[in-house]
C-alpha atoms as a PDB file:
ATOM      1  CA  UNK A   1     -57.295-149.546   4.647  1.00  0.00           C
ATOM      2  CA  UNK A   2     -60.085-152.044   4.260  1.00  0.00           C
ATOM      3  CA  UNK A   3     -61.547-151.557   7.708  1.00  0.00           C
ATOM      4  CA  UNK A   4     -65.236-152.334   8.103  1.00  0.00           C
ATOM      5  CA  UNK A   5     -67.458-149.366   8.775  1.00  0.00           C
ATOM      6  CA  UNK A   6     -68.348-148.722  12.406  1.00  0.00           C
ATOM      7  CA  UNK A   7     -72.160-148.803  12.682  1.00  0.00           C
ATOM      8  CA  UNK A   8     -74.135-146.028  14.326  1.00  0.00           C
ATOM      9  CA  UNK A   9     -75.869-146.748  17.606  1.00  0.00           C
ATOM     10  CA  UNK A  10     -77.797-144.811  20.221  1.00  0.00           C
ATOM     11  CA  UNK A  11     -75.421-146.126  22.908  1.00  0.00           C
ATOM     12  CA  UNK A  12     -71.946-147.662  23.049  1.00  0.00           C
ATOM     13  CA  UNK A  13     -73.516-151.023  23.852  1.00  0.00           C
ATOM     14  CA  UNK A  14     -75.826-150.748  20.845  1.00  0.00           C
ATOM     15  CA  UNK A  15     -72.860-150.053  18.567  1.00  0.00           C
ATOM     16  CA  UNK A  16     -70.791-152.946  19.928  1.00  0.00           C
ATOM     17  CA  UNK A  17     -73.726-155.330  19.505  1.00  0.00           C
ATOM     18  CA  UNK A  18     -73.764-154.594  15.758  1.00  0.00           C
ATOM     19  CA  UNK A  19     -70.069-155.380  15.201  1.00  0.00           C
ATOM     20  CA  UNK A  20     -69.187-158.652  13.504  1.00  0.00           C
ATOM     21  CA  UNK A  21     -67.272-160.802  16.044  1.00  0.00           C
ATOM     22  CA  UNK A  22     -65.044-161.952  13.176  1.00  0.00           C
ATOM     23  CA  UNK A  23     -63.725-158.395  12.945  1.00  0.00           C
ATOM     24  CA  UNK A  24     -62.705-158.461  16.631  1.00  0.00           C
ATOM     25  CA  UNK A  25     -60.205-161.350  16.968  1.00  0.00           C
ATOM     26  CA  UNK A  26     -59.329-160.483  20.597  1.00  0.00           C
ATOM     27  CA  UNK A  27     -62.771-159.263  21.607  1.00  0.00           C
ATOM     28  CA  UNK A  28     -64.434-155.855  21.754  1.00  0.00           C
ATOM     29  CA  UNK A  29     -62.808-152.807  23.342  1.00  0.00           C
ATOM     30  CA  UNK A  30     -63.838-151.465  26.726  1.00  0.00           C
ATOM     31  CA  UNK A  31     -63.797-148.002  28.223  1.00  0.00           C
ATOM     32  CA  UNK A  32     -60.275-147.288  29.360  1.00  0.00           C
ATOM     33  CA  UNK A  33     -58.856-150.656  28.203  1.00  0.00           C
ATOM     34  CA  UNK A  34     -57.032-149.312  25.176  1.00  0.00           C
ATOM     35  CA  UNK A  35     -57.340-150.185  21.476  1.00  0.00           C
ATOM     36  CA  UNK A  36     -57.969-153.663  20.061  1.00  0.00           C
ATOM     37  CA  UNK A  37     -57.323-155.035  16.531  1.00  0.00           C
ATOM     38  CA  UNK A  38     -60.234-154.417  14.193  1.00  0.00           C
ATOM     39  CA  UNK A  39     -60.722-155.815  10.704  1.00  0.00           C
ATOM     40  CA  UNK A  40     -59.433-158.684   8.616  1.00  0.00           C
ATOM     41  CA  UNK A  41     -56.456-157.173   6.754  1.00  0.00           C
ATOM     42  CA  UNK A  42     -52.962-157.949   8.166  1.00  0.00           C
ATOM     43  CA  UNK A  43     -50.698-155.017   8.911  1.00  0.00           C
ATOM     44  CA  UNK A  44     -48.125-156.301   6.389  1.00  0.00           C
ATOM     45  CA  UNK A  45     -47.701-159.464   4.270  1.00  0.00           C
ATOM     46  CA  UNK A  46     -46.920-162.459   6.474  1.00  0.00           C
ATOM     47  CA  UNK A  47     -47.951-160.685   9.678  1.00  0.00           C
ATOM     48  CA  UNK A  48     -49.462-162.813  12.489  1.00  0.00           C
ATOM     49  CA  UNK A  49     -53.236-163.276  12.069  1.00  0.00           C
ATOM     50  CA  UNK A  50     -53.992-161.127  15.121  1.00  0.00           C
ATOM     51  CA  UNK A  51     -51.909-158.196  13.885  1.00  0.00           C
ATOM     52  CA  UNK A  52     -54.375-156.007  12.016  1.00  0.00           C
ATOM     53  CA  UNK A  53     -53.988-152.722  10.176  1.00  0.00           C
ATOM     54  CA  UNK A  54     -56.792-151.026  12.106  1.00  0.00           C
ATOM     55  CA  UNK A  55     -57.455-150.352  15.762  1.00  0.00           C
ATOM     56  CA  UNK A  56     -60.731-149.756  17.574  1.00  0.00           C
ATOM     57  CA  UNK A  57     -61.115-148.040  20.937  1.00  0.00           C
ATOM     58  CA  UNK A  58     -63.807-146.266  22.934  1.00  0.00           C
ATOM     59  CA  UNK A  59     -63.293-142.597  23.734  1.00  0.00           C
ATOM     60  CA  UNK A  60     -66.508-141.307  25.344  1.00  0.00           C
ATOM     61  CA  UNK A  61     -67.536-137.710  24.775  1.00  0.00           C
ATOM     62  CA  UNK A  62     -70.774-137.126  26.650  1.00  0.00           C
ATOM     63  CA  UNK A  63     -72.740-133.931  26.071  1.00  0.00           C
ATOM     64  CA  UNK A  64     -75.609-133.702  28.541  1.00  0.00           C
ATOM     65  CA  UNK A  65     -76.639-130.104  28.950  1.00  0.00           C
ATOM     66  CA  UNK A  66     -79.227-127.560  27.870  1.00  0.00           C
ATOM     67  CA  UNK A  67     -78.945-124.030  26.595  1.00  0.00           C
ATOM     68  CA  UNK A  68     -81.283-121.293  25.446  1.00  0.00           C
ATOM     69  CA  UNK A  69     -80.387-118.547  22.987  1.00  0.00           C
ATOM     70  CA  UNK A  70     -82.553-115.671  21.857  1.00  0.00           C
ATOM     71  CA  UNK A  71     -81.977-112.506  19.893  1.00  0.00           C
ATOM     72  CA  UNK A  72     -84.157-109.807  18.347  1.00  0.00           C
ATOM     73  CA  UNK A  73     -83.006-109.102  14.788  1.00  0.00           C
ATOM     74  CA  UNK A  74     -84.199-106.183  12.705  1.00  0.00           C
ATOM     75  CA  UNK A  75     -83.705-104.267   9.488  1.00  0.00           C
ATOM     76  CA  UNK A  76     -84.042-100.524   8.934  1.00  0.00           C
ATOM     77  CA  UNK A  77     -83.993 -99.014   5.439  1.00  0.00           C
ATOM     78  CA  UNK A  78     -84.590 -95.732   3.642  1.00  0.00           C
ATOM     79  CA  UNK A  79     -85.385 -95.202  -0.049  1.00  0.00           C
ATOM     80  CA  UNK A  80     -85.267 -92.068  -2.188  1.00  0.00           C
ATOM     81  CA  UNK A  81     -86.853 -92.032  -5.649  1.00  0.00           C
ATOM     82  CA  UNK A  82     -84.789 -89.747  -7.877  1.00  0.00           C
ATOM     83  CA  UNK A  83     -87.097 -90.252 -10.850  1.00  0.00           C
ATOM     84  CA  UNK A  84     -89.710 -92.815 -11.832  1.00  0.00           C
ATOM     85  CA  UNK A  85     -86.865 -94.919 -13.245  1.00  0.00           C
ATOM     86  CA  UNK A  86     -84.124 -94.464 -10.605  1.00  0.00           C
ATOM     87  CA  UNK A  87     -83.915 -94.834  -6.858  1.00  0.00           C
ATOM     88  CA  UNK A  88     -81.319 -94.813  -4.071  1.00  0.00           C
ATOM     89  CA  UNK A  89     -81.530 -96.899  -0.910  1.00  0.00           C
ATOM     90  CA  UNK A  90     -79.597 -97.613   2.265  1.00  0.00           C
ATOM     91  CA  UNK A  91     -80.167-100.252   4.917  1.00  0.00           C
ATOM     92  CA  UNK A  92     -78.825-101.628   8.169  1.00  0.00           C
ATOM     93  CA  UNK A  93     -79.687-105.183   9.203  1.00  0.00           C
ATOM     94  CA  UNK A  94     -78.691-107.508  12.009  1.00  0.00           C
ATOM     95  CA  UNK A  95     -78.243-111.257  11.723  1.00  0.00           C
ATOM     96  CA  UNK A  96     -77.956-114.051  14.233  1.00  0.00           C
ATOM     97  CA  UNK A  97     -77.103-117.763  14.335  1.00  0.00           C
ATOM     98  CA  UNK A  98     -77.757-119.622  17.583  1.00  0.00           C
ATOM     99  CA  UNK A  99     -75.113-121.494  19.524  1.00  0.00           C
ATOM    100  CA  UNK A 100     -74.906-125.273  19.628  1.00  0.00           C
ATOM    101  CA  UNK A 101     -72.975-128.366  20.618  1.00  0.00           C
ATOM    102  CA  UNK A 102     -70.056-130.473  19.426  1.00  0.00           C
ATOM    103  CA  UNK A 103     -69.585-134.045  20.650  1.00  0.00           C
ATOM    104  CA  UNK A 104     -66.048-133.300  21.809  1.00  0.00           C
ATOM    105  CA  UNK A 105     -64.523-133.342  25.289  1.00  0.00           C
ATOM    106  CA  UNK A 106     -63.903-129.836  26.588  1.00  0.00           C
ATOM    107  CA  UNK A 107     -65.322-128.228  23.423  1.00  0.00           C
ATOM    108  CA  UNK A 108     -68.927-129.253  23.891  1.00  0.00           C
ATOM    109  CA  UNK A 109     -70.594-125.875  23.461  1.00  0.00           C
ATOM    110  CA  UNK A 110     -70.199-122.796  21.283  1.00  0.00           C
ATOM    111  CA  UNK A 111     -71.857-119.376  21.481  1.00  0.00           C
ATOM    112  CA  UNK A 112     -74.150-117.571  19.024  1.00  0.00           C
ATOM    113  CA  UNK A 113     -72.826-115.699  15.994  1.00  0.00           C
ATOM    114  CA  UNK A 114     -73.856-112.108  15.241  1.00  0.00           C
ATOM    115  CA  UNK A 115     -73.773-110.025  12.072  1.00  0.00           C
ATOM    116  CA  UNK A 116     -74.224-106.322  11.332  1.00  0.00           C
ATOM    117  CA  UNK A 117     -74.805-105.618   7.624  1.00  0.00           C
ATOM    118  CA  UNK A 118     -74.647-102.167   5.995  1.00  0.00           C
ATOM    119  CA  UNK A 119     -75.827-101.614   2.415  1.00  0.00           C
ATOM    120  CA  UNK A 120     -76.023 -98.619   0.031  1.00  0.00           C
ATOM    121  CA  UNK A 121     -77.303 -99.077  -3.487  1.00  0.00           C
ATOM    122  CA  UNK A 122     -79.131 -97.791  -6.523  1.00  0.00           C
ATOM    123  CA  UNK A 123     -81.655 -99.386  -8.913  1.00  0.00           C
ATOM    124  CA  UNK A 124     -82.272 -97.923 -12.342  1.00  0.00           C
ATOM    125  CA  UNK A 125     -84.000 -98.467 -15.673  1.00  0.00           C
ATOM    126  CA  UNK A 126     -83.041 -96.745 -18.919  1.00  0.00           C
ATOM    127  CA  UNK A 127     -83.851 -96.841 -22.640  1.00  0.00           C
ATOM    128  CA  UNK A 128     -87.616 -97.135 -22.183  1.00  0.00           C
ATOM    129  CA  UNK A 129     -87.102 -99.850 -19.559  1.00  0.00           C
ATOM    130  CA  UNK A 130     -85.012-102.032 -21.884  1.00  0.00           C
ATOM    131  CA  UNK A 131     -81.904-101.677 -19.690  1.00  0.00           C
ATOM    132  CA  UNK A 132     -81.929-102.391 -15.969  1.00  0.00           C
ATOM    133  CA  UNK A 133     -78.764-101.416 -14.085  1.00  0.00           C
ATOM    134  CA  UNK A 134     -78.316-101.929 -10.339  1.00  0.00           C
ATOM    135  CA  UNK A 135     -75.300-101.317  -8.104  1.00  0.00           C
ATOM    136  CA  UNK A 136     -74.726-102.023  -4.426  1.00  0.00           C
ATOM    137  CA  UNK A 137     -71.959-101.410  -1.911  1.00  0.00           C
ATOM    138  CA  UNK A 138     -72.003-103.529   1.259  1.00  0.00           C
ATOM    139  CA  UNK A 139     -70.105-104.028   4.509  1.00  0.00           C
ATOM    140  CA  UNK A 140     -70.648-107.022   6.823  1.00  0.00           C
ATOM    141  CA  UNK A 141     -69.229-107.207  10.332  1.00  0.00           C
ATOM    142  CA  UNK A 142     -69.222-110.631  12.042  1.00  0.00           C
ATOM    143  CA  UNK A 143     -68.840-111.035  15.809  1.00  0.00           C
ATOM    144  CA  UNK A 144     -68.132-114.412  17.465  1.00  0.00           C
ATOM    145  CA  UNK A 145     -68.202-116.042  14.041  1.00  0.00           C
ATOM    146  CA  UNK A 146     -68.607-119.823  14.115  1.00  0.00           C
ATOM    147  CA  UNK A 147     -66.307-122.193  12.260  1.00  0.00           C
ATOM    148  CA  UNK A 148     -65.746-125.963  12.271  1.00  0.00           C
ATOM    149  CA  UNK A 149     -62.094-126.996  12.564  1.00  0.00           C
ATOM    150  CA  UNK A 150     -59.723-129.787  13.578  1.00  0.00           C
ATOM    151  CA  UNK A 151     -58.083-128.724  16.827  1.00  0.00           C
ATOM    152  CA  UNK A 152     -57.192-129.966  20.299  1.00  0.00           C
ATOM    153  CA  UNK A 153     -60.032-130.986  22.614  1.00  0.00           C
ATOM    154  CA  UNK A 154     -60.017-130.579  26.375  1.00  0.00           C
ATOM    155  CA  UNK A 155     -57.836-133.692  26.728  1.00  0.00           C
ATOM    156  CA  UNK A 156     -55.309-132.472  24.167  1.00  0.00           C
ATOM    157  CA  UNK A 157     -56.455-134.962  21.529  1.00  0.00           C
ATOM    158  CA  UNK A 158     -57.163-133.932  17.951  1.00  0.00           C
ATOM    159  CA  UNK A 159     -60.913-133.563  17.362  1.00  0.00           C
ATOM    160  CA  UNK A 160     -63.382-131.967  14.979  1.00  0.00           C
ATOM    161  CA  UNK A 161     -65.608-129.332  16.577  1.00  0.00           C
ATOM    162  CA  UNK A 162     -67.298-125.977  16.064  1.00  0.00           C
ATOM    163  CA  UNK A 163     -66.117-122.937  17.996  1.00  0.00           C
ATOM    164  CA  UNK A 164     -66.317-119.166  17.914  1.00  0.00           C
ATOM    165  CA  UNK A 165     -63.261-117.948  16.030  1.00  0.00           C
ATOM    166  CA  UNK A 166     -63.803-114.261  16.725  1.00  0.00           C
ATOM    167  CA  UNK A 167     -64.307-111.330  14.379  1.00  0.00           C
ATOM    168  CA  UNK A 168     -64.221-110.976  10.595  1.00  0.00           C
ATOM    169  CA  UNK A 169     -65.306-108.391   8.042  1.00  0.00           C
ATOM    170  CA  UNK A 170     -66.513-108.557   4.459  1.00  0.00           C
ATOM    171  CA  UNK A 171     -66.963-105.622   2.123  1.00  0.00           C
ATOM    172  CA  UNK A 172     -67.479-105.234  -1.577  1.00  0.00           C
ATOM    173  CA  UNK A 173     -69.467-103.950  -4.515  1.00  0.00           C
ATOM    174  CA  UNK A 174     -71.851-105.680  -6.913  1.00  0.00           C
ATOM    175  CA  UNK A 175     -73.092-104.428 -10.288  1.00  0.00           C
ATOM    176  CA  UNK A 176     -75.958-106.134 -12.088  1.00  0.00           C
ATOM    177  CA  UNK A 177     -77.269-105.472 -15.603  1.00  0.00           C
ATOM    178  CA  UNK A 178     -80.217-106.816 -17.616  1.00  0.00           C
ATOM    179  CA  UNK A 179     -80.659-105.695 -21.232  1.00  0.00           C
ATOM    180  CA  UNK A 180     -83.462-106.515 -23.662  1.00  0.00           C
ATOM    181  CA  UNK A 181     -81.492-106.324 -26.914  1.00  0.00           C
ATOM    182  CA  UNK A 182     -84.541-107.320 -28.974  1.00  0.00           C
ATOM    183  CA  UNK A 183     -88.019-108.594 -28.231  1.00  0.00           C
ATOM    184  CA  UNK A 184     -86.635-112.141 -28.063  1.00  0.00           C
ATOM    185  CA  UNK A 185     -83.037-111.601 -26.880  1.00  0.00           C
ATOM    186  CA  UNK A 186     -82.015-110.754 -23.326  1.00  0.00           C
ATOM    187  CA  UNK A 187     -78.472-110.213 -22.049  1.00  0.00           C
ATOM    188  CA  UNK A 188     -77.538-110.681 -18.385  1.00  0.00           C
ATOM    189  CA  UNK A 189     -74.444-109.698 -16.420  1.00  0.00           C
ATOM    190  CA  UNK A 190     -73.284-109.585 -12.804  1.00  0.00           C
ATOM    191  CA  UNK A 191     -69.884-108.519 -11.444  1.00  0.00           C
ATOM    192  CA  UNK A 192     -68.901-108.728  -7.770  1.00  0.00           C
ATOM    193  CA  UNK A 193     -65.734-107.597  -5.993  1.00  0.00           C
ATOM    194  CA  UNK A 194     -65.027-108.817  -2.446  1.00  0.00           C
ATOM    195  CA  UNK A 195     -62.482-107.678   0.126  1.00  0.00           C
ATOM    196  CA  UNK A 196     -62.521-109.943   3.188  1.00  0.00           C
ATOM    197  CA  UNK A 197     -60.424-110.276   6.317  1.00  0.00           C
ATOM    198  CA  UNK A 198     -60.430-112.507   9.374  1.00  0.00           C
ATOM    199  CA  UNK A 199     -59.651-110.147  12.228  1.00  0.00           C
ATOM    200  CA  UNK A 200     -59.453-112.788  14.964  1.00  0.00           C
ATOM    201  CA  UNK A 201     -59.086-116.560  14.381  1.00  0.00           C
ATOM    202  CA  UNK A 202     -56.854-118.746  16.581  1.00  0.00           C
ATOM    203  CA  UNK A 203     -57.077-122.238  18.070  1.00  0.00           C
ATOM    204  CA  UNK A 204     -54.861-124.957  19.597  1.00  0.00           C
ATOM    205  CA  UNK A 205     -53.500-128.104  17.955  1.00  0.00           C
ATOM    206  CA  UNK A 206     -51.438-131.009  19.283  1.00  0.00           C
ATOM    207  CA  UNK A 207     -48.410-132.637  17.632  1.00  0.00           C
ATOM    208  CA  UNK A 208     -46.515-135.777  18.749  1.00  0.00           C
ATOM    209  CA  UNK A 209     -43.217-133.930  19.273  1.00  0.00           C
ATOM    210  CA  UNK A 210     -42.101-130.381  20.032  1.00  0.00           C
ATOM    211  CA  UNK A 211     -40.061-130.349  16.814  1.00  0.00           C
ATOM    212  CA  UNK A 212     -43.159-131.096  14.730  1.00  0.00           C
ATOM    213  CA  UNK A 213     -45.221-128.043  13.854  1.00  0.00           C
ATOM    214  CA  UNK A 214     -48.911-128.216  12.964  1.00  0.00           C
ATOM    215  CA  UNK A 215     -49.654-128.563   9.257  1.00  0.00           C
ATOM    216  CA  UNK A 216     -50.903-125.033   8.640  1.00  0.00           C
ATOM    217  CA  UNK A 217     -50.239-121.994   6.516  1.00  0.00           C
ATOM    218  CA  UNK A 218     -51.035-119.795   9.533  1.00  0.00           C
ATOM    219  CA  UNK A 219     -48.661-118.529  12.226  1.00  0.00           C
ATOM    220  CA  UNK A 220     -47.867-121.189  14.860  1.00  0.00           C
ATOM    221  CA  UNK A 221     -46.452-120.775  18.347  1.00  0.00           C
ATOM    222  CA  UNK A 222     -45.653-123.595  20.787  1.00  0.00           C
ATOM    223  CA  UNK A 223     -47.547-123.271  24.067  1.00  0.00           C
ATOM    224  CA  UNK A 224     -46.236-126.216  26.095  1.00  0.00           C
ATOM    225  CA  UNK A 225     -44.643-129.659  25.926  1.00  0.00           C
ATOM    226  CA  UNK A 226     -46.508-132.339  27.864  1.00  0.00           C
ATOM    227  CA  UNK A 227     -44.805-135.045  29.965  1.00  0.00           C
ATOM    228  CA  UNK A 228     -45.590-137.627  27.259  1.00  0.00           C
ATOM    229  CA  UNK A 229     -43.698-135.529  24.688  1.00  0.00           C
ATOM    230  CA  UNK A 230     -46.749-134.197  22.877  1.00  0.00           C
ATOM    231  CA  UNK A 231     -46.657-130.477  22.150  1.00  0.00           C
ATOM    232  CA  UNK A 232     -49.530-128.010  22.191  1.00  0.00           C
ATOM    233  CA  UNK A 233     -49.431-125.198  19.634  1.00  0.00           C
ATOM    234  CA  UNK A 234     -51.415-122.032  19.129  1.00  0.00           C
ATOM    235  CA  UNK A 235     -52.430-121.590  15.488  1.00  0.00           C
ATOM    236  CA  UNK A 236     -53.269-117.991  14.539  1.00  0.00           C
ATOM    237  CA  UNK A 237     -54.972-117.480  11.166  1.00  0.00           C
ATOM    238  CA  UNK A 238     -55.860-113.825  11.768  1.00  0.00           C
ATOM    239  CA  UNK A 239     -55.351-111.592   8.752  1.00  0.00           C
ATOM    240  CA  UNK A 240     -56.294-114.228   6.171  1.00  0.00           C
ATOM    241  CA  UNK A 241     -59.164-113.987   3.719  1.00  0.00           C
ATOM    242  CA  UNK A 242     -62.487-115.622   4.466  1.00  0.00           C
ATOM    243  CA  UNK A 243     -63.119-119.011   2.916  1.00  0.00           C
ATOM    244  CA  UNK A 244     -65.181-119.364  -0.279  1.00  0.00           C
ATOM    245  CA  UNK A 245     -64.813-115.628  -0.938  1.00  0.00           C
ATOM    246  CA  UNK A 246     -63.201-115.034  -4.368  1.00  0.00           C
ATOM    247  CA  UNK A 247     -62.003-111.478  -4.932  1.00  0.00           C
ATOM    248  CA  UNK A 248     -63.732-111.300  -8.334  1.00  0.00           C
ATOM    249  CA  UNK A 249     -66.845-113.105  -9.542  1.00  0.00           C
ATOM    250  CA  UNK A 250     -68.441-112.584 -12.955  1.00  0.00           C
ATOM    251  CA  UNK A 251     -71.664-114.055 -14.347  1.00  0.00           C
ATOM    252  CA  UNK A 252     -72.688-113.512 -17.973  1.00  0.00           C
ATOM    253  CA  UNK A 253     -75.659-114.920 -19.845  1.00  0.00           C
ATOM    254  CA  UNK A 254     -77.908-114.686 -22.875  1.00  0.00           C
ATOM    255  CA  UNK A 255     -81.528-115.835 -23.294  1.00  0.00           C
ATOM    256  CA  UNK A 256     -82.797-116.301 -26.849  1.00  0.00           C
ATOM    257  CA  UNK A 257     -86.479-116.956 -27.465  1.00  0.00           C
ATOM    258  CA  UNK A 258     -87.774-118.677 -30.601  1.00  0.00           C
ATOM    259  CA  UNK A 259     -90.949-120.118 -32.131  1.00  0.00           C
ATOM    260  CA  UNK A 260     -91.368-123.375 -34.023  1.00  0.00           C
ATOM    261  CA  UNK A 261     -94.831-123.785 -35.546  1.00  0.00           C
ATOM    262  CA  UNK A 262     -97.187-123.586 -32.538  1.00  0.00           C
ATOM    263  CA  UNK A 263     -94.378-124.103 -30.004  1.00  0.00           C
ATOM    264  CA  UNK A 264     -92.366-121.528 -28.054  1.00  0.00           C
ATOM    265  CA  UNK A 265     -88.854-122.060 -26.837  1.00  0.00           C
ATOM    266  CA  UNK A 266     -85.896-120.492 -25.041  1.00  0.00           C
ATOM    267  CA  UNK A 267     -82.164-121.152 -25.315  1.00  0.00           C
ATOM    268  CA  UNK A 268     -80.036-119.914 -22.404  1.00  0.00           C
ATOM    269  CA  UNK A 269     -76.237-119.813 -22.234  1.00  0.00           C
ATOM    270  CA  UNK A 270     -74.406-118.890 -19.040  1.00  0.00           C
ATOM    271  CA  UNK A 271     -70.754-118.318 -18.137  1.00  0.00           C
ATOM    272  CA  UNK A 272     -69.436-117.979 -14.583  1.00  0.00           C
ATOM    273  CA  UNK A 273     -65.935-116.905 -13.529  1.00  0.00           C
ATOM    274  CA  UNK A 274     -64.618-117.194  -9.968  1.00  0.00           C
ATOM    275  CA  UNK A 275     -61.232-115.946  -8.784  1.00  0.00           C
ATOM    276  CA  UNK A 276     -58.944-118.200  -6.748  1.00  0.00           C
ATOM    277  CA  UNK A 277     -60.263-118.701  -3.218  1.00  0.00           C
ATOM    278  CA  UNK A 278     -59.531-120.559   0.012  1.00  0.00           C
ATOM    279  CA  UNK A 279     -61.564-123.739   0.550  1.00  0.00           C
ATOM    280  CA  UNK A 280     -59.995-124.920   3.828  1.00  0.00           C
ATOM    281  CA  UNK A 281     -59.376-123.570   7.317  1.00  0.00           C
ATOM    282  CA  UNK A 282     -55.652-124.435   7.458  1.00  0.00           C
ATOM    283  CA  UNK A 283     -54.609-122.106   4.605  1.00  0.00           C
ATOM    284  CA  UNK A 284     -52.140-124.577   3.110  1.00  0.00           C
ATOM    285  CA  UNK A 285     -51.314-124.374  -0.631  1.00  0.00           C
ATOM    286  CA  UNK A 286     -53.538-127.377  -1.403  1.00  0.00           C
ATOM    287  CA  UNK A 287     -56.502-125.466   0.044  1.00  0.00           C
ATOM    288  CA  UNK A 288     -56.229-122.575  -2.419  1.00  0.00           C
ATOM    289  CA  UNK A 289     -58.641-123.403  -5.245  1.00  0.00           C
ATOM    290  CA  UNK A 290     -57.644-122.133  -8.680  1.00  0.00           C
ATOM    291  CA  UNK A 291     -59.682-119.570 -10.572  1.00  0.00           C
ATOM    292  CA  UNK A 292     -62.221-121.242 -12.814  1.00  0.00           C
ATOM    293  CA  UNK A 293     -64.709-120.468 -15.577  1.00  0.00           C
ATOM    294  CA  UNK A 294     -67.711-122.734 -16.112  1.00  0.00           C
ATOM    295  CA  UNK A 295     -70.417-122.814 -18.768  1.00  0.00           C
ATOM    296  CA  UNK A 296     -74.048-123.953 -18.573  1.00  0.00           C
ATOM    297  CA  UNK A 297     -76.753-124.258 -21.219  1.00  0.00           C
ATOM    298  CA  UNK A 298     -80.501-124.942 -21.221  1.00  0.00           C
ATOM    299  CA  UNK A 299     -83.074-125.440 -23.953  1.00  0.00           C
ATOM    300  CA  UNK A 300     -86.773-125.222 -23.097  1.00  0.00           C
ATOM    301  CA  UNK A 301     -89.643-125.978 -25.463  1.00  0.00           C
ATOM    302  CA  UNK A 302     -93.350-125.815 -24.715  1.00  0.00           C
ATOM    303  CA  UNK A 303     -96.812-124.997 -25.949  1.00  0.00           C
ATOM    304  CA  UNK A 304     -97.626-121.390 -26.749  1.00  0.00           C
ATOM    305  CA  UNK A 305    -100.398-121.315 -24.123  1.00  0.00           C
ATOM    306  CA  UNK A 306     -98.022-122.552 -21.414  1.00  0.00           C
ATOM    307  CA  UNK A 307     -99.902-125.759 -20.570  1.00  0.00           C
ATOM    308  CA  UNK A 308     -96.751-127.919 -20.909  1.00  0.00           C
ATOM    309  CA  UNK A 309     -93.023-127.585 -21.399  1.00  0.00           C
ATOM    310  CA  UNK A 310     -89.872-129.695 -21.545  1.00  0.00           C
ATOM    311  CA  UNK A 311     -86.389-128.640 -20.448  1.00  0.00           C
ATOM    312  CA  UNK A 312     -82.947-130.025 -21.293  1.00  0.00           C
ATOM    313  CA  UNK A 313     -79.753-128.751 -19.688  1.00  0.00           C
ATOM    314  CA  UNK A 314     -75.994-129.228 -19.447  1.00  0.00           C
ATOM    315  CA  UNK A 315     -74.052-127.863 -16.470  1.00  0.00           C
ATOM    316  CA  UNK A 316     -70.275-127.474 -16.279  1.00  0.00           C
ATOM    317  CA  UNK A 317     -70.001-128.132 -20.011  1.00  0.00           C
ATOM    318  CA  UNK A 318     -66.189-128.240 -20.059  1.00  0.00           C
ATOM    319  CA  UNK A 319     -66.125-130.684 -17.102  1.00  0.00           C
ATOM    320  CA  UNK A 320     -63.923-128.576 -14.815  1.00  0.00           C
ATOM    321  CA  UNK A 321     -62.536-130.011 -11.552  1.00  0.00           C
ATOM    322  CA  UNK A 322     -63.674-127.471  -8.945  1.00  0.00           C
ATOM    323  CA  UNK A 323     -62.637-127.785  -5.304  1.00  0.00           C
ATOM    324  CA  UNK A 324     -65.406-126.993  -2.835  1.00  0.00           C
ATOM    325  CA  UNK A 325     -63.777-128.131   0.440  1.00  0.00           C
ATOM    326  CA  UNK A 326     -60.261-129.374   1.205  1.00  0.00           C
ATOM    327  CA  UNK A 327     -59.301-130.591   4.678  1.00  0.00           C
ATOM    328  CA  UNK A 328     -55.874-131.482   6.061  1.00  0.00           C
ATOM    329  CA  UNK A 329     -55.831-134.198   8.740  1.00  0.00           C
ATOM    330  CA  UNK A 330     -52.560-133.496  10.524  1.00  0.00           C
ATOM    331  CA  UNK A 331     -53.068-136.388  12.960  1.00  0.00           C
ATOM    332  CA  UNK A 332     -53.537-138.893  10.088  1.00  0.00           C
ATOM    333  CA  UNK A 333     -50.168-138.744   8.257  1.00  0.00           C
ATOM    334  CA  UNK A 334     -51.189-135.342   6.837  1.00  0.00           C
ATOM    335  CA  UNK A 335     -53.979-136.875   4.785  1.00  0.00           C
ATOM    336  CA  UNK A 336     -55.536-134.318   2.408  1.00  0.00           C
ATOM    337  CA  UNK A 337     -59.188-134.923   1.496  1.00  0.00           C
ATOM    338  CA  UNK A 338     -61.039-132.830  -1.068  1.00  0.00           C
ATOM    339  CA  UNK A 339     -64.700-132.548  -2.011  1.00  0.00           C
ATOM    340  CA  UNK A 340     -65.475-131.355  -5.529  1.00  0.00           C
ATOM    341  CA  UNK A 341     -68.426-129.615  -7.113  1.00  0.00           C
ATOM    342  CA  UNK A 342     -70.402-131.758  -9.596  1.00  0.00           C
ATOM    343  CA  UNK A 343     -68.638-132.590 -12.886  1.00  0.00           C
ATOM    344  CA  UNK A 344     -70.328-132.193 -16.234  1.00  0.00           C
ATOM    345  CA  UNK A 345     -74.001-132.950 -15.590  1.00  0.00           C
END
């Protein structure tokens, strides 16, 4: 608590040169020399001046390598027009994300991610084109999916890195409707159902004692106990749902046009419901975000010829607290850190 921020530098020497000597009462750290006190806050009231609450040490992780990835992606689709107002379609598409690097010992490089996506759907218009109704069924198959996690590096230390977690699948259905109730009133709706599963996701974590399990809602199995007493565990999260994938999502809205003298305007109201969903890779209870409904509104007013307009909006009207990412730092007294979506804006 209260530690000064470590500046960013292109080299270790550049970083050390930017540190305030007053924050290093016994001098700067060196490679392999162990930690040194860092900061100006005593560890506890009345502690000796050199006993600080923060430690600074150098732990080099050098990534000096090159790699080249390439992949040909494609999409094939077929369409059948039933009538002038209705059509069926089906498609198969491939996706690809290149590999990359993590600045972590023993976990420096990860492989590309691949996706096969299957889609069958229908697009329709009814009631003299006043009602548009679309439906789609989809199935996505990930291979070598990438994920960023806290795990054990090549030295057995806890580190943050990206790796290929294996295979996962996502399937679902989406229905979308657009209805012109009157010449100035339009209703919108979208409903999506998702069924997701991680088929293969496991990694290693280190704990300070064999009796201490990793902080995780996944299955854990001890691999070995090191001579220093630290234990290595295999954490297997296979079978869980994908993150940020609520089972049900619903979006509803209404657009109401109006005229005031020579001005034209539009009022839009929107409601969005999301089912509970995982927002962390450890699958602990704190990482299960509650279901939530949010409301947005906009009012736009402009000239009839469209030469100018002004827009006012309110998002998240009821000021809901919505988790977007929650991480558990098992090596830092089980610290739980959460990012939230914007509040009322």
